[in-house]
Structure formats: C-alpha cells, structure tokens
PDB file of N, CA and C in Angstrom:
ATOM      1  N   MET A   1     -20.562   6.745 -19.177  1.00  0.00           N
ATOM      2  CA  MET A   1     -20.124   6.327 -17.846  1.00  0.00           C
ATOM      3  C   MET A   1     -19.451   7.532 -17.191  1.00  0.00           C
ATOM      4  N   SER A   2     -19.879   7.842 -15.989  1.00  0.00           N
ATOM      5  CA  SER A   2     -19.302   8.987 -15.285  1.00  0.00           C
ATOM      6  C   SER A   2     -17.975   8.602 -14.641  1.00  0.00           C
ATOM      7  N   LEU A   3     -17.240   9.636 -14.238  1.00  0.00           N
ATOM      8  CA  LEU A   3     -15.936   9.411 -13.613  1.00  0.00           C
ATOM      9  C   LEU A   3     -16.084   8.675 -12.290  1.00  0.00           C
ATOM     10  N   ASP A   4     -17.136   9.006 -11.527  1.00  0.00           N
ATOM     11  CA  ASP A   4     -17.358   8.328 -10.242  1.00  0.00           C
ATOM     12  C   ASP A   4     -17.647   6.846 -10.439  1.00  0.00           C
ATOM     13  N   THR A   5     -18.414   6.507 -11.460  1.00  0.00           N
ATOM     14  CA  THR A   5     -18.733   5.109 -11.738  1.00  0.00           C
ATOM     15  C   THR A   5     -17.483   4.347 -12.149  1.00  0.00           C
ATOM     16  N   ALA A   6     -16.675   4.946 -13.003  1.00  0.00           N
ATOM     17  CA  ALA A   6     -15.437   4.297 -13.440  1.00  0.00           C
ATOM     18  C   ALA A   6     -14.494   4.098 -12.263  1.00  0.00           C
ATOM     19  N   THR A   7     -14.386   5.086 -11.407  1.00  0.00           N
ATOM     20  CA  THR A   7     -13.525   4.987 -10.230  1.00  0.00           C
ATOM     21  C   THR A   7     -14.019   3.887  -9.302  1.00  0.00           C
ATOM     22  N   THR A   8     -15.312   3.806  -9.102  1.00  0.00           N
ATOM     23  CA  THR A   8     -15.890   2.768  -8.245  1.00  0.00           C
ATOM     24  C   THR A   8     -15.630   1.386  -8.828  1.00  0.00           C
ATOM     25  N   GLU A   9     -15.796   1.232 -10.129  1.00  0.00           N
ATOM     26  CA  GLU A   9     -15.562  -0.063 -10.765  1.00  0.00           C
ATOM     27  C   GLU A   9     -14.098  -0.483 -10.648  1.00  0.00           C
ATOM     28  N   VAL A  10     -13.202   0.467 -10.833  1.00  0.00           N
ATOM     29  CA  VAL A  10     -11.779   0.158 -10.707  1.00  0.00           C
ATOM     30  C   VAL A  10     -11.441  -0.200  -9.266  1.00  0.00           C
ATOM     31  N   THR A  11     -12.022   0.511  -8.314  1.00  0.00           N
ATOM     32  CA  THR A  11     -11.784   0.224  -6.901  1.00  0.00           C
ATOM     33  C   THR A  11     -12.274  -1.171  -6.538  1.00  0.00           C
ATOM     34  N   ILE A  12     -13.440  -1.544  -7.028  1.00  0.00           N
ATOM     35  CA  ILE A  12     -13.982  -2.881  -6.764  1.00  0.00           C
ATOM     36  C   ILE A  12     -13.098  -3.941  -7.418  1.00  0.00           C
ATOM     37  N   ALA A  13     -12.705  -3.713  -8.673  1.00  0.00           N
ATOM     38  CA  ALA A  13     -11.840  -4.670  -9.371  1.00  0.00           C
ATOM     39  C   ALA A  13     -10.511  -4.824  -8.631  1.00  0.00           C
ATOM     40  N   LEU A  14      -9.949  -3.718  -8.161  1.00  0.00           N
ATOM     41  CA  LEU A  14      -8.693  -3.775  -7.422  1.00  0.00           C
ATOM     42  C   LEU A  14      -8.853  -4.567  -6.122  1.00  0.00           C
ATOM     43  N   ALA A  15      -9.955  -4.352  -5.423  1.00  0.00           N
ATOM     44  CA  ALA A  15     -10.206  -5.094  -4.182  1.00  0.00           C
ATOM     45  C   ALA A  15     -10.345  -6.588  -4.456  1.00  0.00           C
ATOM     46  N   VAL A  16     -11.021  -6.944  -5.534  1.00  0.00           N
ATOM     47  CA  VAL A  16     -11.193  -8.358  -5.889  1.00  0.00           C
ATOM     48  C   VAL A  16      -9.841  -8.982  -6.243  1.00  0.00           C
ATOM     49  N   VAL A  17      -9.060  -8.291  -7.053  1.00  0.00           N
ATOM     50  CA  VAL A  17      -7.758  -8.832  -7.463  1.00  0.00           C
ATOM     51  C   VAL A  17      -6.825  -8.955  -6.262  1.00  0.00           C
ATOM     52  N   LYS A  18      -6.780  -7.941  -5.403  1.00  0.00           N
ATOM     53  CA  LYS A  18      -5.917  -8.006  -4.222  1.00  0.00           C
ATOM     54  C   LYS A  18      -6.350  -9.135  -3.295  1.00  0.00           C
ATOM     55  N   THR A  19      -7.652  -9.362  -3.173  1.00  0.00           N
ATOM     56  CA  THR A  19      -8.150 -10.468  -2.349  1.00  0.00           C
ATOM     57  C   THR A  19      -7.720 -11.808  -2.933  1.00  0.00           C
ATOM     58  N   LEU A  20      -7.825 -11.944  -4.253  1.00  0.00           N
ATOM     59  CA  LEU A  20      -7.391 -13.186  -4.901  1.00  0.00           C
ATOM     60  C   LEU A  20      -5.887 -13.391  -4.756  1.00  0.00           C
ATOM     61  N   VAL A  21      -5.107 -12.314  -4.859  1.00  0.00           N
ATOM     62  CA  VAL A  21      -3.664 -12.412  -4.653  1.00  0.00           C
ATOM     63  C   VAL A  21      -3.374 -12.880  -3.230  1.00  0.00           C
ATOM     64  N   LEU A  22      -4.095 -12.331  -2.273  1.00  0.00           N
ATOM     65  CA  LEU A  22      -3.910 -12.738  -0.873  1.00  0.00           C
ATOM     66  C   LEU A  22      -4.252 -14.215  -0.675  1.00  0.00           C
ATOM     67  N   ILE A  23      -5.325 -14.670  -1.286  1.00  0.00           N
ATOM     68  CA  ILE A  23      -5.741 -16.072  -1.147  1.00  0.00           C
ATOM     69  C   ILE A  23      -4.724 -17.004  -1.815  1.00  0.00           C
ATOM     70  N   VAL A  24      -4.382 -16.725  -3.075  1.00  0.00           N
ATOM     71  CA  VAL A  24      -3.458 -17.592  -3.801  1.00  0.00           C
ATOM     72  C   VAL A  24      -2.066 -17.550  -3.169  1.00  0.00           C
ATOM     73  N   GLY A  25      -1.617 -16.360  -2.784  1.00  0.00           N
ATOM     74  CA  GLY A  25      -0.319 -16.238  -2.120  1.00  0.00           C
ATOM     75  C   GLY A  25      -0.277 -16.986  -0.801  1.00  0.00           C
ATOM     76  N   SER A  26      -1.383 -16.951  -0.079  1.00  0.00           N
ATOM     77  CA  SER A  26      -1.458 -17.687   1.184  1.00  0.00           C
ATOM     78  C   SER A  26      -1.399 -19.188   0.956  1.00  0.00           C
ATOM     79  N   VAL A  27      -2.044 -19.653  -0.106  1.00  0.00           N
ATOM     80  CA  VAL A  27      -2.005 -21.087  -0.435  1.00  0.00           C
ATOM     81  C   VAL A  27      -0.584 -21.507  -0.797  1.00  0.00           C
ATOM     82  N   VAL A  28       0.100 -20.705  -1.620  1.00  0.00           N
ATOM     83  CA  VAL A  28       1.481 -21.017  -1.993  1.00  0.00           C
ATOM     84  C   VAL A  28       2.377 -21.025  -0.749  1.00  0.00           C
ATOM     85  N   THR A  29       2.196 -20.023   0.111  1.00  0.00           N
ATOM     86  CA  THR A  29       2.975 -19.951   1.350  1.00  0.00           C
ATOM     87  C   THR A  29       2.700 -21.162   2.234  1.00  0.00           C
ATOM     88  N   PHE A  30       1.440 -21.550   2.340  1.00  0.00           N
ATOM     89  CA  PHE A  30       1.068 -22.710   3.148  1.00  0.00           C
ATOM     90  C   PHE A  30       1.749 -23.978   2.646  1.00  0.00           C
ATOM     91  N   PHE A  31       1.716 -24.203   1.321  1.00  0.00           N
ATOM     92  CA  PHE A  31       2.333 -25.411   0.785  1.00  0.00           C
ATOM     93  C   PHE A  31       3.853 -25.392   0.939  1.00  0.00           C
ATOM     94  N   ALA A  32       4.456 -24.220   0.794  1.00  0.00           N
ATOM     95  CA  ALA A  32       5.905 -24.128   1.009  1.00  0.00           C
ATOM     96  C   ALA A  32       6.238 -24.411   2.472  1.00  0.00           C
ATOM     97  N   PHE A  33       5.426 -23.890   3.394  1.00  0.00           N
ATOM     98  CA  PHE A  33       5.664 -24.143   4.811  1.00  0.00           C
ATOM     99  C   PHE A  33       5.429 -25.614   5.153  1.00  0.00           C
ATOM    100  N   LYS A  34       4.402 -26.190   4.538  1.00  0.00           N
ATOM    101  CA  LYS A  34       4.117 -27.613   4.751  1.00  0.00           C
ATOM    102  C   LYS A  34       5.290 -28.475   4.274  1.00  0.00           C
ATOM    103  N   ALA A  35       5.871 -28.112   3.126  1.00  0.00           N
ATOM    104  CA  ALA A  35       7.049 -28.836   2.621  1.00  0.00           C
ATOM    105  C   ALA A  35       8.224 -28.669   3.581  1.00  0.00           C
ATOM    106  N   TYR A  36       8.376 -27.462   4.141  1.00  0.00           N
ATOM    107  CA  TYR A  36       9.444 -27.235   5.120  1.00  0.00           C
ATOM    108  C   TYR A  36       9.257 -28.118   6.352  1.00  0.00           C
ATOM    109  N   ARG A  37       8.024 -28.176   6.860  1.00  0.00           N
ATOM    110  CA  ARG A  37       7.757 -28.997   8.054  1.00  0.00           C
ATOM    111  C   ARG A  37       8.020 -30.469   7.792  1.00  0.00           C
ATOM    112  N   ARG A  38       7.727 -30.917   6.586  1.00  0.00           N
ATOM    113  CA  ARG A  38       7.930 -32.324   6.243  1.00  0.00           C
ATOM    114  C   ARG A  38       9.418 -32.652   6.110  1.00  0.00           C
ATOM    115  N   THR A  39      10.194 -31.743   5.512  1.00  0.00           N
ATOM    116  CA  THR A  39      11.596 -32.041   5.215  1.00  0.00           C
ATOM    117  C   THR A  39      12.579 -31.397   6.185  1.00  0.00           C
ATOM    118  N   ARG A  40      12.148 -30.325   6.858  1.00  0.00           N
ATOM    119  CA  ARG A  40      13.021 -29.549   7.759  1.00  0.00           C
ATOM    120  C   ARG A  40      14.227 -28.954   7.039  1.00  0.00           C
ATOM    121  N   GLN A  41      14.099 -28.735   5.737  1.00  0.00           N
ATOM    122  CA  GLN A  41      15.168 -28.088   4.978  1.00  0.00           C
ATOM    123  C   GLN A  41      15.063 -26.579   5.154  1.00  0.00           C
ATOM    124  N   ARG A  42      16.157 -25.967   5.581  1.00  0.00           N
ATOM    125  CA  ARG A  42      16.184 -24.539   5.854  1.00  0.00           C
ATOM    126  C   ARG A  42      15.760 -23.721   4.629  1.00  0.00           C
ATOM    127  N   ALA A  43      16.177 -24.161   3.454  1.00  0.00           N
ATOM    128  CA  ALA A  43      15.850 -23.433   2.221  1.00  0.00           C
ATOM    129  C   ALA A  43      14.342 -23.356   2.005  1.00  0.00           C
ATOM    130  N   LEU A  44      13.631 -24.422   2.317  1.00  0.00           N
ATOM    131  CA  LEU A  44      12.172 -24.410   2.156  1.00  0.00           C
ATOM    132  C   LEU A  44      11.512 -23.495   3.192  1.00  0.00           C
ATOM    133  N   GLY A  45      12.076 -23.433   4.384  1.00  0.00           N
ATOM    134  CA  GLY A  45      11.564 -22.507   5.385  1.00  0.00           C
ATOM    135  C   GLY A  45      11.745 -21.067   4.948  1.00  0.00           C
ATOM    136  N   LEU A  46      12.907 -20.771   4.392  1.00  0.00           N
ATOM    137  CA  LEU A  46      13.150 -19.425   3.869  1.00  0.00           C
ATOM    138  C   LEU A  46      12.242 -19.119   2.681  1.00  0.00           C
ATOM    139  N   LEU A  47      12.028 -20.104   1.834  1.00  0.00           N
ATOM    140  CA  LEU A  47      11.133 -19.926   0.697  1.00  0.00           C
ATOM    141  C   LEU A  47       9.723 -19.589   1.168  1.00  0.00           C
ATOM    142  N   ALA A  48       9.244 -20.307   2.166  1.00  0.00           N
ATOM    143  CA  ALA A  48       7.914 -20.035   2.720  1.00  0.00           C
ATOM    144  C   ALA A  48       7.856 -18.622   3.308  1.00  0.00           C
ATOM    145  N   ALA A  49       8.890 -18.233   4.029  1.00  0.00           N
ATOM    146  CA  ALA A  49       8.927 -16.887   4.614  1.00  0.00           C
ATOM    147  C   ALA A  49       8.936 -15.825   3.515  1.00  0.00           C
ATOM    148  N   GLY A  50       9.688 -16.061   2.456  1.00  0.00           N
ATOM    149  CA  GLY A  50       9.739 -15.113   1.345  1.00  0.00           C
ATOM    150  C   GLY A  50       8.389 -14.961   0.673  1.00  0.00           C
ATOM    151  N   PHE A  51       7.731 -16.088   0.397  1.00  0.00           N
ATOM    152  CA  PHE A  51       6.393 -16.019  -0.198  1.00  0.00           C
ATOM    153  C   PHE A  51       5.413 -15.314   0.742  1.00  0.00           C
ATOM    154  N   GLY A  52       5.557 -15.553   2.031  1.00  0.00           N
ATOM    155  CA  GLY A  52       4.698 -14.875   3.001  1.00  0.00           C
ATOM    156  C   GLY A  52       4.894 -13.365   2.984  1.00  0.00           C
ATOM    157  N   LEU A  53       6.147 -12.921   2.915  1.00  0.00           N
ATOM    158  CA  LEU A  53       6.427 -11.483   2.852  1.00  0.00           C
ATOM    159  C   LEU A  53       5.886 -10.854   1.575  1.00  0.00           C
ATOM    160  N   VAL A  54       6.065 -11.534   0.449  1.00  0.00           N
ATOM    161  CA  VAL A  54       5.549 -11.007  -0.817  1.00  0.00           C
ATOM    162  C   VAL A  54       4.029 -10.906  -0.755  1.00  0.00           C
ATOM    163  N   THR A  55       3.381 -11.945  -0.266  1.00  0.00           N
ATOM    164  CA  THR A  55       1.925 -11.946  -0.169  1.00  0.00           C
ATOM    165  C   THR A  55       1.439 -10.841   0.762  1.00  0.00           C
ATOM    166  N   LEU A  56       2.069 -10.728   1.916  1.00  0.00           N
ATOM    167  CA  LEU A  56       1.700  -9.670   2.862  1.00  0.00           C
ATOM    168  C   LEU A  56       1.906  -8.298   2.231  1.00  0.00           C
ATOM    169  N   GLY A  57       3.034  -8.121   1.569  1.00  0.00           N
ATOM    170  CA  GLY A  57       3.320  -6.842   0.936  1.00  0.00           C
ATOM    171  C   GLY A  57       2.304  -6.474  -0.122  1.00  0.00           C
ATOM    172  N   LEU A  58       1.893  -7.432  -0.942  1.00  0.00           N
ATOM    173  CA  LEU A  58       0.946  -7.149  -2.006  1.00  0.00           C
ATOM    174  C   LEU A  58      -0.437  -6.778  -1.479  1.00  0.00           C
ATOM    175  N   ALA A  59      -0.752  -7.188  -0.282  1.00  0.00           N
ATOM    176  CA  ALA A  59      -2.056  -6.866   0.295  1.00  0.00           C
ATOM    177  C   ALA A  59      -2.020  -5.634   1.196  1.00  0.00           C
ATOM    178  N   PHE A  60      -0.836  -5.183   1.552  1.00  0.00           N
ATOM    179  CA  PHE A  60      -0.692  -4.176   2.604  1.00  0.00           C
ATOM    180  C   PHE A  60      -1.075  -2.756   2.204  1.00  0.00           C
ATOM    181  N   ALA A  61      -0.750  -2.309   1.006  1.00  0.00           N
ATOM    182  CA  ALA A  61      -0.961  -0.913   0.619  1.00  0.00           C
ATOM    183  C   ALA A  61      -2.424  -0.516   0.730  1.00  0.00           C
ATOM    184  N   GLY A  62      -3.287  -1.339   0.178  1.00  0.00           N
ATOM    185  CA  GLY A  62      -4.715  -1.036   0.236  1.00  0.00           C
ATOM    186  C   GLY A  62      -5.258  -1.062   1.648  1.00  0.00           C
ATOM    187  N   LEU A  63      -4.799  -2.026   2.429  1.00  0.00           N
ATOM    188  CA  LEU A  63      -5.249  -2.104   3.817  1.00  0.00           C
ATOM    189  C   LEU A  63      -4.833  -0.872   4.605  1.00  0.00           C
ATOM    190  N   LEU A  64      -3.593  -0.465   4.444  1.00  0.00           N
ATOM    191  CA  LEU A  64      -3.125   0.727   5.153  1.00  0.00           C
ATOM    192  C   LEU A  64      -3.916   1.957   4.734  1.00  0.00           C
ATOM    193  N   HIS A  65      -4.161   2.080   3.439  1.00  0.00           N
ATOM    194  CA  HIS A  65      -4.862   3.253   2.919  1.00  0.00           C
ATOM    195  C   HIS A  65      -6.336   3.260   3.340  1.00  0.00           C
ATOM    196  N   GLU A  66      -7.003   2.147   3.166  1.00  0.00           N
ATOM    197  CA  GLU A  66      -8.445   2.102   3.420  1.00  0.00           C
ATOM    198  C   GLU A  66      -8.805   2.019   4.900  1.00  0.00           C
ATOM    199  N   ILE A  67      -8.066   1.220   5.658  1.00  0.00           N
ATOM    200  CA  ILE A  67      -8.446   0.973   7.050  1.00  0.00           C
ATOM    201  C   ILE A  67      -7.788   1.958   8.010  1.00  0.00           C
ATOM    202  N   LEU A  68      -6.508   2.240   7.802  1.00  0.00           N
ATOM    203  CA  LEU A  68      -5.783   3.094   8.741  1.00  0.00           C
ATOM    204  C   LEU A  68      -5.609   4.525   8.240  1.00  0.00           C
ATOM    205  N   ASN A  69      -6.198   4.845   7.081  1.00  0.00           N
ATOM    206  CA  ASN A  69      -6.129   6.181   6.493  1.00  0.00           C
ATOM    207  C   ASN A  69      -4.703   6.691   6.301  1.00  0.00           C
ATOM    208  N   VAL A  70      -3.796   5.792   5.993  1.00  0.00           N
ATOM    209  CA  VAL A  70      -2.423   6.160   5.678  1.00  0.00           C
ATOM    210  C   VAL A  70      -2.413   6.655   4.233  1.00  0.00           C
ATOM    211  N   ASP A  71      -1.590   7.655   3.946  1.00  0.00           N
ATOM    212  CA  ASP A  71      -1.466   8.165   2.589  1.00  0.00           C
ATOM    213  C   ASP A  71      -1.148   7.012   1.646  1.00  0.00           C
ATOM    214  N   LEU A  72      -1.770   7.005   0.473  1.00  0.00           N
ATOM    215  CA  LEU A  72      -1.606   5.896  -0.472  1.00  0.00           C
ATOM    216  C   LEU A  72      -0.143   5.709  -0.870  1.00  0.00           C
ATOM    217  N   ALA A  73       0.584   6.802  -1.050  1.00  0.00           N
ATOM    218  CA  ALA A  73       1.994   6.695  -1.442  1.00  0.00           C
ATOM    219  C   ALA A  73       2.805   5.983  -0.355  1.00  0.00           C
ATOM    220  N   VAL A  74       2.512   6.241   0.906  1.00  0.00           N
ATOM    221  CA  VAL A  74       3.204   5.565   2.010  1.00  0.00           C
ATOM    222  C   VAL A  74       2.836   4.085   2.009  1.00  0.00           C
ATOM    223  N   GLY A  75       1.571   3.782   1.777  1.00  0.00           N
ATOM    224  CA  GLY A  75       1.140   2.390   1.701  1.00  0.00           C
ATOM    225  C   GLY A  75       1.834   1.633   0.588  1.00  0.00           C
ATOM    226  N   VAL A  76       1.960   2.271  -0.575  1.00  0.00           N
ATOM    227  CA  VAL A  76       2.637   1.636  -1.708  1.00  0.00           C
ATOM    228  C   VAL A  76       4.120   1.452  -1.397  1.00  0.00           C
ATOM    229  N   LEU A  77       4.725   2.414  -0.702  1.00  0.00           N
ATOM    230  CA  LEU A  77       6.132   2.279  -0.310  1.00  0.00           C
ATOM    231  C   LEU A  77       6.314   1.089   0.632  1.00  0.00           C
ATOM    232  N   VAL A  78       5.452   0.958   1.640  1.00  0.00           N
ATOM    233  CA  VAL A  78       5.532  -0.176   2.567  1.00  0.00           C
ATOM    234  C   VAL A  78       5.336  -1.479   1.808  1.00  0.00           C
ATOM    235  N   GLU A  79       4.356  -1.495   0.910  1.00  0.00           N
ATOM    236  CA  GLU A  79       4.111  -2.676   0.087  1.00  0.00           C
ATOM    237  C   GLU A  79       5.361  -3.052  -0.704  1.00  0.00           C
ATOM    238  N   SER A  80       5.980  -2.078  -1.342  1.00  0.00           N
ATOM    239  CA  SER A  80       7.150  -2.332  -2.167  1.00  0.00           C
ATOM    240  C   SER A  80       8.333  -2.832  -1.352  1.00  0.00           C
ATOM    241  N   VAL A  81       8.513  -2.287  -0.162  1.00  0.00           N
ATOM    242  CA  VAL A  81       9.607  -2.736   0.705  1.00  0.00           C
ATOM    243  C   VAL A  81       9.392  -4.188   1.125  1.00  0.00           C
ATOM    244  N   LEU A  82       8.154  -4.539   1.492  1.00  0.00           N
ATOM    245  CA  LEU A  82       7.868  -5.924   1.882  1.00  0.00           C
ATOM    246  C   LEU A  82       8.075  -6.881   0.714  1.00  0.00           C
ATOM    247  N   VAL A  83       7.636  -6.486  -0.467  1.00  0.00           N
ATOM    248  CA  VAL A  83       7.824  -7.333  -1.649  1.00  0.00           C
ATOM    249  C   VAL A  83       9.317  -7.472  -1.959  1.00  0.00           C
ATOM    250  N   LEU A  84      10.071  -6.382  -1.853  1.00  0.00           N
ATOM    251  CA  LEU A  84      11.512  -6.434  -2.064  1.00  0.00           C
ATOM    252  C   LEU A  84      12.181  -7.401  -1.094  1.00  0.00           C
ATOM    253  N   PHE A  85      11.872  -7.279   0.202  1.00  0.00           N
ATOM    254  CA  PHE A  85      12.443  -8.189   1.200  1.00  0.00           C
ATOM    255  C   PHE A  85      12.019  -9.630   0.932  1.00  0.00           C
ATOM    256  N   GLY A  86      10.753  -9.809   0.548  1.00  0.00           N
ATOM    257  CA  GLY A  86      10.274 -11.158   0.245  1.00  0.00           C
ATOM    258  C   GLY A  86      11.024 -11.790  -0.904  1.00  0.00           C
ATOM    259  N   PHE A  87      11.223 -11.036  -1.975  1.00  0.00           N
ATOM    260  CA  PHE A  87      11.979 -11.567  -3.106  1.00  0.00           C
ATOM    261  C   PHE A  87      13.441 -11.803  -2.744  1.00  0.00           C
ATOM    262  N   ALA A  88      13.993 -10.952  -1.891  1.00  0.00           N
ATOM    263  CA  ALA A  88      15.377 -11.166  -1.448  1.00  0.00           C
ATOM    264  C   ALA A  88      15.490 -12.468  -0.656  1.00  0.00           C
ATOM    265  N   VAL A  89      14.507 -12.737   0.202  1.00  0.00           N
ATOM    266  CA  VAL A  89      14.515 -13.981   0.980  1.00  0.00           C
ATOM    267  C   VAL A  89      14.326 -15.183   0.052  1.00  0.00           C
ATOM    268  N   ILE A  90      13.449 -15.057  -0.936  1.00  0.00           N
ATOM    269  CA  ILE A  90      13.257 -16.144  -1.906  1.00  0.00           C
ATOM    270  C   ILE A  90      14.555 -16.400  -2.666  1.00  0.00           C
ATOM    271  N   ALA A  91      15.194 -15.347  -3.136  1.00  0.00           N
ATOM    272  CA  ALA A  91      16.455 -15.508  -3.861  1.00  0.00           C
ATOM    273  C   ALA A  91      17.507 -16.165  -2.970  1.00  0.00           C
ATOM    274  N   TYR A  92      17.586 -15.747  -1.724  1.00  0.00           N
ATOM    275  CA  TYR A  92      18.547 -16.336  -0.802  1.00  0.00           C
ATOM    276  C   TYR A  92      18.240 -17.817  -0.561  1.00  0.00           C
ATOM    277  N   SER A  93      16.933 -18.136  -0.442  1.00  0.00           N
ATOM    278  CA  SER A  93      16.562 -19.542  -0.215  1.00  0.00           C
ATOM    279  C   SER A  93      16.973 -20.416  -1.381  1.00  0.00           C
ATOM    280  N   LEU A  94      16.928 -19.888  -2.576  1.00  0.00           N
ATOM    281  CA  LEU A  94      17.339 -20.641  -3.752  1.00  0.00           C
ATOM    282  C   LEU A  94      18.867 -20.732  -3.839  1.00  0.00           C
ATOM    283  N   TYR A  95      19.550 -19.751  -3.317  1.00  0.00           N
ATOM    284  CA  TYR A  95      21.001 -19.715  -3.343  1.00  0.00           C
ATOM    285  C   TYR A  95      21.609 -20.692  -2.326  1.00  0.00           C
ATOM    286  N   VAL A  96      21.048 -20.759  -1.116  1.00  0.00           N
ATOM    287  CA  VAL A  96      21.645 -21.574  -0.060  1.00  0.00           C
ATOM    288  C   VAL A  96      21.502 -23.067  -0.318  1.00  0.00           C
ATOM    289  N   GLN A  97      20.604 -23.464  -1.159  1.00  0.00           N
ATOM    290  CA  GLN A  97      20.402 -24.886  -1.442  1.00  0.00           C
ATOM    291  C   GLN A  97      21.469 -25.323  -2.348  1.00  0.00           C
TER     292      GLN A  97
END
C-alpha cells in the first residue's frame, strides 16, 4: 500500500467519522432542545446549547481546512475552543439545576 493510498483511506475514514459525529451530535442536541421546549427548564436549554457547541466544534476543523483553506492547526484550535465552551456550558447546565 502506497503512502498516497493510506492517506486517502485515512482522509475518507475521517470524513465518515466526522459526518457521523455531526449527525449523532445533532440528534442529541435536537432531543435536548425538544426537552427544553417541553419543560422550559433553563438547565435543559443550556444543555442543548452545550451539546450544539460541542457538535459544531467537532465538525468545524475539517470544514475550515477543506472548504475555506484555513491552516489545519488553526482549524483544530477553533474546534478545541468550541468544544471547550460547549463542555463548560454543559457543566454549568448541570450545576444550575
């Protein structure tokens, strides 16, 4: 197996996994938001927002790199910041309840 083939396979696998993360994360975010709308509990709204930020962050690095030609390291930094903020919002949502 050549280096180009291995790189292509890893790139395809990464795209598939990131797409699945985006889909599953969106479903989790949707259900958390749906629970918030049903109960109007602030903590559930924050939980939905946190899951949304984490999901967005996990999908962002590749999108920035591939579509907008942003340096991969910058994309990963943006991804990490969004995931950090998302987890902080999730932690806060669990704390305020």
